[in-house]
Amino acid sequence: AATNQYAGIRTPQDLYDALSELWCADTCAPRMRSDWSPENRTLGQC
């Protein structure tokens, strides 16, 4: 990490772990929202 603004986020793997708990339908692209699910959390989040 180039910043310490996000405590505990030291590598992209750390960020992935955190975002896996945060990605949701509200953060999914609207055009894909109807297909978003907890099983496909990364859909529409790129």
All heavy atoms as atom14 arrays in JSON, in Angstrom:
{
  "sequence": "AATNQYAGIRTPQDLYDALSELWCADTCAPRMRSDWSPENRTLGQC",
  "atom14_mask": [
    [1, 1, 1, 1, 1, 0, 0, 0, 0, 0, 0, 0, 0, 0],
    [1, 1, 1, 1, 1, 0, 0, 0, 0, 0, 0, 0, 0, 0],
    [1, 1, 1, 1, 1, 1, 1, 0, 0, 0, 0, 0, 0, 0],
    [1, 1, 1, 1, 1, 1, 1, 1, 0, 0, 0, 0, 0, 0],
    [1, 1, 1, 1, 1, 1, 1, 1, 1, 0, 0, 0, 0, 0],
    [1, 1, 1, 1, 1, 1, 1, 1, 1, 1, 1, 1, 0, 0],
    [1, 1, 1, 1, 1, 0, 0, 0, 0, 0, 0, 0, 0, 0],
    [1, 1, 1, 1, 0, 0, 0, 0, 0, 0, 0, 0, 0, 0],
    [1, 1, 1, 1, 1, 1, 1, 1, 0, 0, 0, 0, 0, 0],
    [1, 1, 1, 1, 1, 1, 1, 1, 1, 1, 1, 0, 0, 0],
    [1, 1, 1, 1, 1, 1, 1, 0, 0, 0, 0, 0, 0, 0],
    [1, 1, 1, 1, 1, 1, 1, 0, 0, 0, 0, 0, 0, 0],
    [1, 1, 1, 1, 1, 1, 1, 1, 1, 0, 0, 0, 0, 0],
    [1, 1, 1, 1, 1, 1, 1, 1, 0, 0, 0, 0, 0, 0],
    [1, 1, 1, 1, 1, 1, 1, 1, 0, 0, 0, 0, 0, 0],
    [1, 1, 1, 1, 1, 1, 1, 1, 1, 1, 1, 1, 0, 0],
    [1, 1, 1, 1, 1, 1, 1, 1, 0, 0, 0, 0, 0, 0],
    [1, 1, 1, 1, 1, 0, 0, 0, 0, 0, 0, 0, 0, 0],
    [1, 1, 1, 1, 1, 1, 1, 1, 0, 0, 0, 0, 0, 0],
    [1, 1, 1, 1, 1, 1, 0, 0, 0, 0, 0, 0, 0, 0],
    [1, 1, 1, 1, 1, 1, 1, 1, 1, 0, 0, 0, 0, 0],
    [1, 1, 1, 1, 1, 1, 1, 1, 0, 0, 0, 0, 0, 0],
    [1, 1, 1, 1, 1, 1, 1, 1, 1, 1, 1, 1, 1, 1],
    [1, 1, 1, 1, 1, 1, 0, 0, 0, 0, 0, 0, 0, 0],
    [1, 1, 1, 1, 1, 0, 0, 0, 0, 0, 0, 0, 0, 0],
    [1, 1, 1, 1, 1, 1, 1, 1, 0, 0, 0, 0, 0, 0],
    [1, 1, 1, 1, 1, 1, 1, 0, 0, 0, 0, 0, 0, 0],
    [1, 1, 1, 1, 1, 1, 0, 0, 0, 0, 0, 0, 0, 0],
    [1, 1, 1, 1, 1, 0, 0, 0, 0, 0, 0, 0, 0, 0],
    [1, 1, 1, 1, 1, 1, 1, 0, 0, 0, 0, 0, 0, 0],
    [1, 1, 1, 1, 1, 1, 1, 1, 1, 1, 1, 0, 0, 0],
    [1, 1, 1, 1, 1, 1, 1, 1, 0, 0, 0, 0, 0, 0],
    [1, 1, 1, 1, 1, 1, 1, 1, 1, 1, 1, 0, 0, 0],
    [1, 1, 1, 1, 1, 1, 0, 0, 0, 0, 0, 0, 0, 0],
    [1, 1, 1, 1, 1, 1, 1, 1, 0, 0, 0, 0, 0, 0],
    [1, 1, 1, 1, 1, 1, 1, 1, 1, 1, 1, 1, 1, 1],
    [1, 1, 1, 1, 1, 1, 0, 0, 0, 0, 0, 0, 0, 0],
    [1, 1, 1, 1, 1, 1, 1, 0, 0, 0, 0, 0, 0, 0],
    [1, 1, 1, 1, 1, 1, 1, 1, 1, 0, 0, 0, 0, 0],
    [1, 1, 1, 1, 1, 1, 1, 1, 0, 0, 0, 0, 0, 0],
    [1, 1, 1, 1, 1, 1, 1, 1, 1, 1, 1, 0, 0, 0],
    [1, 1, 1, 1, 1, 1, 1, 0, 0, 0, 0, 0, 0, 0],
    [1, 1, 1, 1, 1, 1, 1, 1, 0, 0, 0, 0, 0, 0],
    [1, 1, 1, 1, 0, 0, 0, 0, 0, 0, 0, 0, 0, 0],
    [1, 1, 1, 1, 1, 1, 1, 1, 1, 0, 0, 0, 0, 0],
    [1, 1, 1, 1, 1, 1, 0, 0, 0, 0, 0, 0, 0, 0]
  ],
  "atom14_positions": [
    [[0.85, -1.2, 0.0], [0.0, 0.0, 0.0], [0.88, 1.24, 0.0], [1.91, 1.28, 0.68], [-0.91, 0.0, 1.22], [0.0, 0.0, 0.0], [0.0, 0.0, 0.0], [0.0, 0.0, 0.0], [0.0, 0.0, 0.0], [0.0, 0.0, 0.0], [0.0, 0.0, 0.0], [0.0, 0.0, 0.0], [0.0, 0.0, 0.0], [0.0, 0.0, 0.0]],
    [[0.47, 2.23, -0.77], [1.21, 3.5, -0.85], [0.68, 4.51, 0.16], [1.17, 5.62, 0.24], [1.12, 4.06, -2.27], [0.0, 0.0, 0.0], [0.0, 0.0, 0.0], [0.0, 0.0, 0.0], [0.0, 0.0, 0.0], [0.0, 0.0, 0.0], [0.0, 0.0, 0.0], [0.0, 0.0, 0.0], [0.0, 0.0, 0.0], [0.0, 0.0, 0.0]],
    [[-0.34, 4.12, 0.91], [-0.95, 4.98, 1.91], [-1.29, 4.14, 3.13], [-1.53, 2.94, 3.01], [-2.22, 5.66, 1.37], [-2.81, 6.46, 2.4], [-3.27, 4.65, 0.92], [0.0, 0.0, 0.0], [0.0, 0.0, 0.0], [0.0, 0.0, 0.0], [0.0, 0.0, 0.0], [0.0, 0.0, 0.0], [0.0, 0.0, 0.0], [0.0, 0.0, 0.0]],
    [[-1.33, 4.79, 4.29], [-1.76, 4.07, 5.5], [-3.16, 4.52, 5.9], [-3.58, 4.32, 7.03], [-0.76, 4.28, 6.64], [-0.6, 5.73, 7.01], [-1.29, 6.6, 6.49], [0.31, 6.02, 7.92], [0.0, 0.0, 0.0], [0.0, 0.0, 0.0], [0.0, 0.0, 0.0], [0.0, 0.0, 0.0], [0.0, 0.0, 0.0], [0.0, 0.0, 0.0]],
    [[-3.88, 5.1, 4.96], [-5.24, 5.59, 5.22], [-6.21, 4.45, 5.53], [-7.22, 4.66, 6.18], [-5.74, 6.38, 4.0], [-7.1, 6.98, 4.18], [-7.54, 7.79, 2.96], [-6.79, 7.98, 2.01], [-8.77, 8.26, 3.0], [0.0, 0.0, 0.0], [0.0, 0.0, 0.0], [0.0, 0.0, 0.0], [0.0, 0.0, 0.0], [0.0, 0.0, 0.0]],
    [[-5.88, 3.24, 5.07], [-6.77, 2.09, 5.27], [-6.03, 1.06, 6.13], [-5.31, 0.21, 5.61], [-7.18, 1.49, 3.92], [-7.93, 2.47, 3.06], [-7.24, 3.29, 2.16], [-9.31, 2.6, 3.15], [-7.93, 4.21, 1.37], [-9.99, 3.52, 2.36], [-9.3, 4.31, 1.48], [-9.97, 5.22, 0.7], [0.0, 0.0, 0.0], [0.0, 0.0, 0.0]],
    [[-6.19, 1.17, 7.44], [-5.49, 0.29, 8.38], [-5.78, -1.17, 8.06], [-6.93, -1.56, 7.86], [-5.92, 0.61, 9.8], [0.0, 0.0, 0.0], [0.0, 0.0, 0.0], [0.0, 0.0, 0.0], [0.0, 0.0, 0.0], [0.0, 0.0, 0.0], [0.0, 0.0, 0.0], [0.0, 0.0, 0.0], [0.0, 0.0, 0.0], [0.0, 0.0, 0.0]],
    [[-4.71, -1.95, 7.99], [-4.86, -3.38, 7.74], [-4.83, -3.75, 6.27], [-4.74, -4.93, 5.94], [0.0, 0.0, 0.0], [0.0, 0.0, 0.0], [0.0, 0.0, 0.0], [0.0, 0.0, 0.0], [0.0, 0.0, 0.0], [0.0, 0.0, 0.0], [0.0, 0.0, 0.0], [0.0, 0.0, 0.0], [0.0, 0.0, 0.0], [0.0, 0.0, 0.0]],
    [[-4.93, -2.78, 5.38], [-4.87, -3.06, 3.94], [-3.43, -2.83, 3.5], [-3.0, -1.7, 3.29], [-5.84, -2.18, 3.13], [-7.27, -2.27, 3.67], [-5.77, -2.53, 1.65], [-7.92, -3.63, 3.58], [0.0, 0.0, 0.0], [0.0, 0.0, 0.0], [0.0, 0.0, 0.0], [0.0, 0.0, 0.0], [0.0, 0.0, 0.0], [0.0, 0.0, 0.0]],
    [[-2.68, -3.91, 3.42], [-1.27, -3.82, 3.07], [-0.97, -4.33, 1.67], [0.02, -3.95, 1.07], [-0.43, -4.59, 4.09], [-0.52, -4.0, 5.5], [0.18, -4.85, 6.55], [-0.29, -6.24, 6.59], [-1.4, -6.65, 7.21], [-2.16, -5.78, 7.85], [-1.76, -7.92, 7.19], [0.0, 0.0, 0.0], [0.0, 0.0, 0.0], [0.0, 0.0, 0.0]],
    [[-1.8, -5.24, 1.16], [-1.61, -5.84, -0.16], [-2.95, -5.92, -0.88], [-4.01, -5.8, -0.24], [-1.05, -7.27, -0.04], [-2.06, -8.1, 0.57], [0.25, -7.32, 0.76], [0.0, 0.0, 0.0], [0.0, 0.0, 0.0], [0.0, 0.0, 0.0], [0.0, 0.0, 0.0], [0.0, 0.0, 0.0], [0.0, 0.0, 0.0], [0.0, 0.0, 0.0]],
    [[-2.93, -6.16, -2.18], [-4.2, -6.36, -2.89], [-5.02, -7.52, -2.32], [-6.25, -7.46, -2.32], [-3.76, -6.63, -4.33], [-2.5, -5.83, -4.46], [-1.81, -6.04, -3.14], [0.0, 0.0, 0.0], [0.0, 0.0, 0.0], [0.0, 0.0, 0.0], [0.0, 0.0, 0.0], [0.0, 0.0, 0.0], [0.0, 0.0, 0.0], [0.0, 0.0, 0.0]],
    [[-4.36, -8.55, -1.8], [-5.11, -9.65, -1.17], [-5.88, -9.14, 0.05], [-7.02, -9.54, 0.27], [-4.18, -10.81, -0.77], [-3.6, -11.57, -1.93], [-2.24, -11.06, -2.35], [-1.85, -9.92, -2.05], [-1.5, -11.88, -3.06], [0.0, 0.0, 0.0], [0.0, 0.0, 0.0], [0.0, 0.0, 0.0], [0.0, 0.0, 0.0], [0.0, 0.0, 0.0]],
    [[-5.25, -8.27, 0.85], [-5.96, -7.68, 2.0], [-7.17, -6.89, 1.53], [-8.24, -6.95, 2.15], [-5.04, -6.74, 2.79], [-3.89, -7.43, 3.48], [-4.0, -8.64, 3.8], [-2.87, -6.75, 3.72], [0.0, 0.0, 0.0], [0.0, 0.0, 0.0], [0.0, 0.0, 0.0], [0.0, 0.0, 0.0], [0.0, 0.0, 0.0], [0.0, 0.0, 0.0]],
    [[-7.0, -6.13, 0.45], [-8.11, -5.34, -0.08], [-9.22, -6.26, -0.57], [-10.39, -6.03, -0.29], [-7.63, -4.42, -1.19], [-8.72, -3.55, -1.84], [-9.42, -2.66, -0.79], [-8.13, -2.7, -2.96], [0.0, 0.0, 0.0], [0.0, 0.0, 0.0], [0.0, 0.0, 0.0], [0.0, 0.0, 0.0], [0.0, 0.0, 0.0], [0.0, 0.0, 0.0]],
    [[-8.86, -7.32, -1.25], [-9.86, -8.29, -1.73], [-10.63, -8.88, -0.55], [-11.86, -8.98, -0.6], [-9.18, -9.4, -2.53], [-10.14, -10.44, -3.02], [-10.8, -10.29, -4.24], [-10.44, -11.57, -2.25], [-11.7, -11.24, -4.68], [-11.34, -12.52, -2.69], [-11.97, -12.35, -3.9], [-12.88, -13.27, -4.33], [0.0, 0.0, 0.0], [0.0, 0.0, 0.0]],
    [[-9.92, -9.26, 0.5], [-10.59, -9.83, 1.69], [-11.61, -8.85, 2.25], [-12.74, -9.23, 2.58], [-9.57, -10.17, 2.77], [-8.7, -11.37, 2.42], [-9.06, -12.14, 1.49], [-7.65, -11.53, 3.07], [0.0, 0.0, 0.0], [0.0, 0.0, 0.0], [0.0, 0.0, 0.0], [0.0, 0.0, 0.0], [0.0, 0.0, 0.0], [0.0, 0.0, 0.0]],
    [[-11.22, -7.58, 2.38], [-12.14, -6.57, 2.92], [-13.32, -6.34, 1.99], [-14.48, -6.34, 2.42], [-11.38, -5.26, 3.16], [0.0, 0.0, 0.0], [0.0, 0.0, 0.0], [0.0, 0.0, 0.0], [0.0, 0.0, 0.0], [0.0, 0.0, 0.0], [0.0, 0.0, 0.0], [0.0, 0.0, 0.0], [0.0, 0.0, 0.0], [0.0, 0.0, 0.0]],
    [[-13.02, -6.16, 0.7], [-14.11, -5.88, -0.25], [-15.07, -7.05, -0.39], [-16.26, -6.84, -0.67], [-13.54, -5.47, -1.6], [-12.79, -4.14, -1.62], [-12.24, -3.85, -3.0], [-13.68, -2.99, -1.14], [0.0, 0.0, 0.0], [0.0, 0.0, 0.0], [0.0, 0.0, 0.0], [0.0, 0.0, 0.0], [0.0, 0.0, 0.0], [0.0, 0.0, 0.0]],
    [[-14.58, -8.25, -0.17], [-15.47, -9.43, -0.24], [-16.6, -9.33, 0.77], [-17.65, -9.93, 0.59], [-14.67, -10.72, -0.02], [-13.82, -10.94, -1.12], [0.0, 0.0, 0.0], [0.0, 0.0, 0.0], [0.0, 0.0, 0.0], [0.0, 0.0, 0.0], [0.0, 0.0, 0.0], [0.0, 0.0, 0.0], [0.0, 0.0, 0.0], [0.0, 0.0, 0.0]],
    [[-16.36, -8.58, 1.83], [-17.41, -8.37, 2.83], [-18.24, -7.12, 2.54], [-19.27, -6.91, 3.18], [-16.77, -8.27, 4.22], [-16.09, -9.56, 4.64], [-15.61, -9.52, 6.07], [-16.27, -8.88, 6.91], [-14.56, -10.16, 6.34], [0.0, 0.0, 0.0], [0.0, 0.0, 0.0], [0.0, 0.0, 0.0], [0.0, 0.0, 0.0], [0.0, 0.0, 0.0]],
    [[-17.79, -6.29, 1.6], [-18.44, -5.0, 1.36], [-19.18, -4.9, 0.02], [-20.13, -4.14, -0.09], [-17.4, -3.88, 1.44], [-16.66, -3.78, 2.77], [-15.55, -2.74, 2.68], [-17.62, -3.44, 3.91], [0.0, 0.0, 0.0], [0.0, 0.0, 0.0], [0.0, 0.0, 0.0], [0.0, 0.0, 0.0], [0.0, 0.0, 0.0], [0.0, 0.0, 0.0]],
    [[-18.72, -5.63, -1.0], [-19.41, -5.58, -2.28], [-20.85, -6.01, -2.08], [-21.13, -6.98, -1.37], [-18.76, -6.51, -3.29], [-17.45, -6.05, -3.87], [-17.16, -4.82, -4.35], [-16.28, -6.85, -4.05], [-15.87, -4.79, -4.83], [-15.31, -6.02, -4.66], [-15.96, -8.18, -3.78], [-14.04, -6.5, -4.99], [-14.7, -8.64, -4.12], [-13.75, -7.8, -4.71]],
    [[-21.76, -5.28, -2.7], [-23.17, -5.59, -2.54], [-23.94, -5.11, -3.76], [-23.37, -4.49, -4.66], [-23.72, -4.92, -1.27], [-23.62, -3.12, -1.28], [0.0, 0.0, 0.0], [0.0, 0.0, 0.0], [0.0, 0.0, 0.0], [0.0, 0.0, 0.0], [0.0, 0.0, 0.0], [0.0, 0.0, 0.0], [0.0, 0.0, 0.0], [0.0, 0.0, 0.0]],
    [[-25.23, -5.36, -3.8], [-26.05, -4.92, -4.93], [-26.0, -3.4, -5.08], [-26.01, -2.89, -6.21], [-27.49, -5.4, -4.75], [0.0, 0.0, 0.0], [0.0, 0.0, 0.0], [0.0, 0.0, 0.0], [0.0, 0.0, 0.0], [0.0, 0.0, 0.0], [0.0, 0.0, 0.0], [0.0, 0.0, 0.0], [0.0, 0.0, 0.0], [0.0, 0.0, 0.0]],
    [[-25.9, -2.67, -3.99], [-25.86, -1.21, -4.05], [-24.59, -0.68, -4.7], [-24.57, 0.43, -5.21], [-26.0, -0.59, -2.66], [-27.4, -0.75, -2.09], [-28.35, -1.02, -2.86], [-27.53, -0.62, -0.86], [0.0, 0.0, 0.0], [0.0, 0.0, 0.0], [0.0, 0.0, 0.0], [0.0, 0.0, 0.0], [0.0, 0.0, 0.0], [0.0, 0.0, 0.0]],
    [[-23.5, -1.45, -4.65], [-22.26, -1.01, -5.29], [-22.09, -1.61, -6.69], [-21.16, -1.26, -7.4], [-21.02, -1.35, -4.42], [-20.98, -2.75, -4.15], [-21.04, -0.55, -3.12], [0.0, 0.0, 0.0], [0.0, 0.0, 0.0], [0.0, 0.0, 0.0], [0.0, 0.0, 0.0], [0.0, 0.0, 0.0], [0.0, 0.0, 0.0], [0.0, 0.0, 0.0]],
    [[-23.0, -2.48, -7.09], [-22.98, -3.09, -8.41], [-23.49, -2.1, -9.46], [-24.38, -1.29, -9.18], [-23.86, -4.34, -8.4], [-23.99, -5.19, -9.98], [0.0, 0.0, 0.0], [0.0, 0.0, 0.0], [0.0, 0.0, 0.0], [0.0, 0.0, 0.0], [0.0, 0.0, 0.0], [0.0, 0.0, 0.0], [0.0, 0.0, 0.0], [0.0, 0.0, 0.0]],
    [[-22.93, -2.18, -10.67], [-23.41, -1.34, -11.78], [-24.91, -1.59, -11.98], [-25.34, -2.75, -12.02], [-22.65, -1.66, -13.06], [0.0, 0.0, 0.0], [0.0, 0.0, 0.0], [0.0, 0.0, 0.0], [0.0, 0.0, 0.0], [0.0, 0.0, 0.0], [0.0, 0.0, 0.0], [0.0, 0.0, 0.0], [0.0, 0.0, 0.0], [0.0, 0.0, 0.0]],
    [[-25.71, -0.53, -12.1], [-27.16, -0.69, -12.22], [-27.6, -1.66, -13.32], [-28.54, -2.42, -13.13], [-27.66, 0.73, -12.49], [-26.62, 1.6, -11.86], [-25.31, 0.88, -12.06], [0.0, 0.0, 0.0], [0.0, 0.0, 0.0], [0.0, 0.0, 0.0], [0.0, 0.0, 0.0], [0.0, 0.0, 0.0], [0.0, 0.0, 0.0], [0.0, 0.0, 0.0]],
    [[-26.91, -1.66, -14.46], [-27.33, -2.52, -15.57], [-27.12, -4.0, -15.25], [-27.67, -4.86, -15.92], [-26.6, -2.14, -16.85], [-25.15, -2.49, -16.9], [-24.47, -2.03, -18.2], [-23.13, -2.53, -18.3], [-22.09, -2.12, -17.59], [-22.24, -1.14, -16.71], [-20.9, -2.65, -17.75], [0.0, 0.0, 0.0], [0.0, 0.0, 0.0], [0.0, 0.0, 0.0]],
    [[-26.33, -4.31, -14.22], [-26.06, -5.7, -13.84], [-26.68, -6.09, -12.51], [-26.59, -7.24, -12.1], [-24.54, -5.91, -13.76], [-23.81, -5.6, -15.02], [-22.03, -5.62, -14.69], [-21.43, -6.17, -16.28], [0.0, 0.0, 0.0], [0.0, 0.0, 0.0], [0.0, 0.0, 0.0], [0.0, 0.0, 0.0], [0.0, 0.0, 0.0], [0.0, 0.0, 0.0]],
    [[-27.29, -5.15, -11.87], [-27.77, -5.35, -10.49], [-28.72, -6.54, -10.35], [-28.67, -7.25, -9.35], [-28.43, -4.07, -10.0], [-28.46, -3.95, -8.5], [-28.78, -2.55, -8.06], [-27.56, -1.75, -8.08], [-27.52, -0.44, -8.09], [-28.65, 0.25, -8.07], [-26.37, 0.2, -8.1], [0.0, 0.0, 0.0], [0.0, 0.0, 0.0], [0.0, 0.0, 0.0]],
    [[-29.56, -6.77, -11.34], [-30.53, -7.87, -11.22], [-29.83, -9.24, -11.24], [-30.39, -10.23, -10.79], [-31.59, -7.8, -12.32], [-30.98, -7.96, -13.59], [0.0, 0.0, 0.0], [0.0, 0.0, 0.0], [0.0, 0.0, 0.0], [0.0, 0.0, 0.0], [0.0, 0.0, 0.0], [0.0, 0.0, 0.0], [0.0, 0.0, 0.0], [0.0, 0.0, 0.0]],
    [[-28.6, -9.29, -11.75], [-27.84, -10.54, -11.78], [-26.84, -10.67, -10.63], [-26.21, -11.72, -10.47], [-27.07, -10.65, -13.11], [-28.0, -10.79, -14.3], [-29.07, -11.43, -14.15], [-27.68, -10.23, -15.37], [0.0, 0.0, 0.0], [0.0, 0.0, 0.0], [0.0, 0.0, 0.0], [0.0, 0.0, 0.0], [0.0, 0.0, 0.0], [0.0, 0.0, 0.0]],
    [[-26.69, -9.61, -9.84], [-25.74, -9.66, -8.73], [-26.24, -10.64, -7.67], [-27.43, -10.75, -7.4], [-25.56, -8.27, -8.1], [-24.48, -8.28, -7.05], [-23.17, -8.03, -7.25], [-24.63, -8.59, -5.66], [-22.47, -8.18, -6.07], [-23.34, -8.52, -5.08], [-25.7, -8.93, -4.86], [-23.11, -8.77, -3.73], [-25.48, -9.19, -3.51], [-24.19, -9.1, -2.96]],
    [[-25.31, -11.35, -7.04], [-25.66, -12.24, -5.93], [-24.44, -12.39, -5.02], [-23.31, -12.13, -5.45], [-26.07, -13.62, -6.46], [-24.93, -14.31, -6.97], [0.0, 0.0, 0.0], [0.0, 0.0, 0.0], [0.0, 0.0, 0.0], [0.0, 0.0, 0.0], [0.0, 0.0, 0.0], [0.0, 0.0, 0.0], [0.0, 0.0, 0.0], [0.0, 0.0, 0.0]],
    [[-24.65, -12.82, -3.78], [-23.52, -13.06, -2.89], [-22.55, -14.1, -3.45], [-21.37, -14.1, -3.12], [-24.17, -13.55, -1.6], [-25.55, -12.96, -1.63], [-25.93, -12.98, -3.09], [0.0, 0.0, 0.0], [0.0, 0.0, 0.0], [0.0, 0.0, 0.0], [0.0, 0.0, 0.0], [0.0, 0.0, 0.0], [0.0, 0.0, 0.0], [0.0, 0.0, 0.0]],
    [[-23.03, -14.98, -4.32], [-22.16, -15.98, -4.94], [-21.31, -15.38, -6.05], [-20.29, -15.96, -6.43], [-23.0, -17.15, -5.5], [-23.67, -17.99, -4.44], [-24.87, -17.29, -3.77], [-25.62, -16.58, -4.47], [-25.02, -17.45, -2.54], [0.0, 0.0, 0.0], [0.0, 0.0, 0.0], [0.0, 0.0, 0.0], [0.0, 0.0, 0.0], [0.0, 0.0, 0.0]],
    [[-21.73, -14.25, -6.59], [-20.95, -13.56, -7.63], [-20.8, -12.1, -7.2], [-21.27, -11.18, -7.87], [-21.63, -13.68, -8.99], [-20.73, -13.22, -10.13], [-19.59, -12.81, -9.92], [-21.24, -13.3, -11.34], [0.0, 0.0, 0.0], [0.0, 0.0, 0.0], [0.0, 0.0, 0.0], [0.0, 0.0, 0.0], [0.0, 0.0, 0.0], [0.0, 0.0, 0.0]],
    [[-20.13, -11.9, -6.08], [-19.98, -10.57, -5.46], [-19.26, -9.56, -6.34], [-19.47, -8.38, -6.21], [-19.19, -10.69, -4.15], [-19.9, -11.43, -3.08], [-19.06, -11.46, -1.8], [-19.84, -11.97, -0.71], [-20.76, -11.28, -0.05], [-21.02, -10.06, -0.39], [-21.44, -11.82, 0.93], [0.0, 0.0, 0.0], [0.0, 0.0, 0.0], [0.0, 0.0, 0.0]],
    [[-18.34, -10.02, -7.2], [-17.54, -9.09, -7.98], [-18.26, -8.56, -9.21], [-17.78, -7.63, -9.86], [-16.2, -9.74, -8.42], [-16.46, -10.84, -9.28], [-15.41, -10.2, -7.2], [0.0, 0.0, 0.0], [0.0, 0.0, 0.0], [0.0, 0.0, 0.0], [0.0, 0.0, 0.0], [0.0, 0.0, 0.0], [0.0, 0.0, 0.0], [0.0, 0.0, 0.0]],
    [[-19.42, -9.12, -9.53], [-20.18, -8.68, -10.71], [-20.5, -7.19, -10.62], [-21.03, -6.71, -9.62], [-21.48, -9.47, -10.83], [-22.34, -9.11, -12.04], [-21.66, -9.56, -13.33], [-23.72, -9.72, -11.93], [0.0, 0.0, 0.0], [0.0, 0.0, 0.0], [0.0, 0.0, 0.0], [0.0, 0.0, 0.0], [0.0, 0.0, 0.0], [0.0, 0.0, 0.0]],
    [[-20.15, -6.46, -11.68], [-20.49, -5.04, -11.76], [-19.74, -4.12, -10.82], [-20.16, -3.0, -10.59], [0.0, 0.0, 0.0], [0.0, 0.0, 0.0], [0.0, 0.0, 0.0], [0.0, 0.0, 0.0], [0.0, 0.0, 0.0], [0.0, 0.0, 0.0], [0.0, 0.0, 0.0], [0.0, 0.0, 0.0], [0.0, 0.0, 0.0], [0.0, 0.0, 0.0]],
    [[-18.6, -4.59, -10.29], [-17.85, -3.81, -9.31], [-16.51, -3.31, -9.85], [-15.73, -2.69, -9.12], [-17.55, -4.68, -8.07], [-18.74, -5.42, -7.51], [-19.69, -4.56, -6.7], [-19.36, -3.45, -6.28], [-20.88, -5.06, -6.47], [0.0, 0.0, 0.0], [0.0, 0.0, 0.0], [0.0, 0.0, 0.0], [0.0, 0.0, 0.0], [0.0, 0.0, 0.0]],
    [[-16.19, -3.56, -11.13], [-14.81, -3.42, -11.6], [-14.25, -2.01, -11.53], [-13.17, -1.81, -10.98], [-14.64, -4.0, -12.99], [-15.34, -3.03, -14.34], [0.0, 0.0, 0.0], [0.0, 0.0, 0.0], [0.0, 0.0, 0.0], [0.0, 0.0, 0.0], [0.0, 0.0, 0.0], [0.0, 0.0, 0.0], [0.0, 0.0, 0.0], [0.0, 0.0, 0.0]]
  ]
}
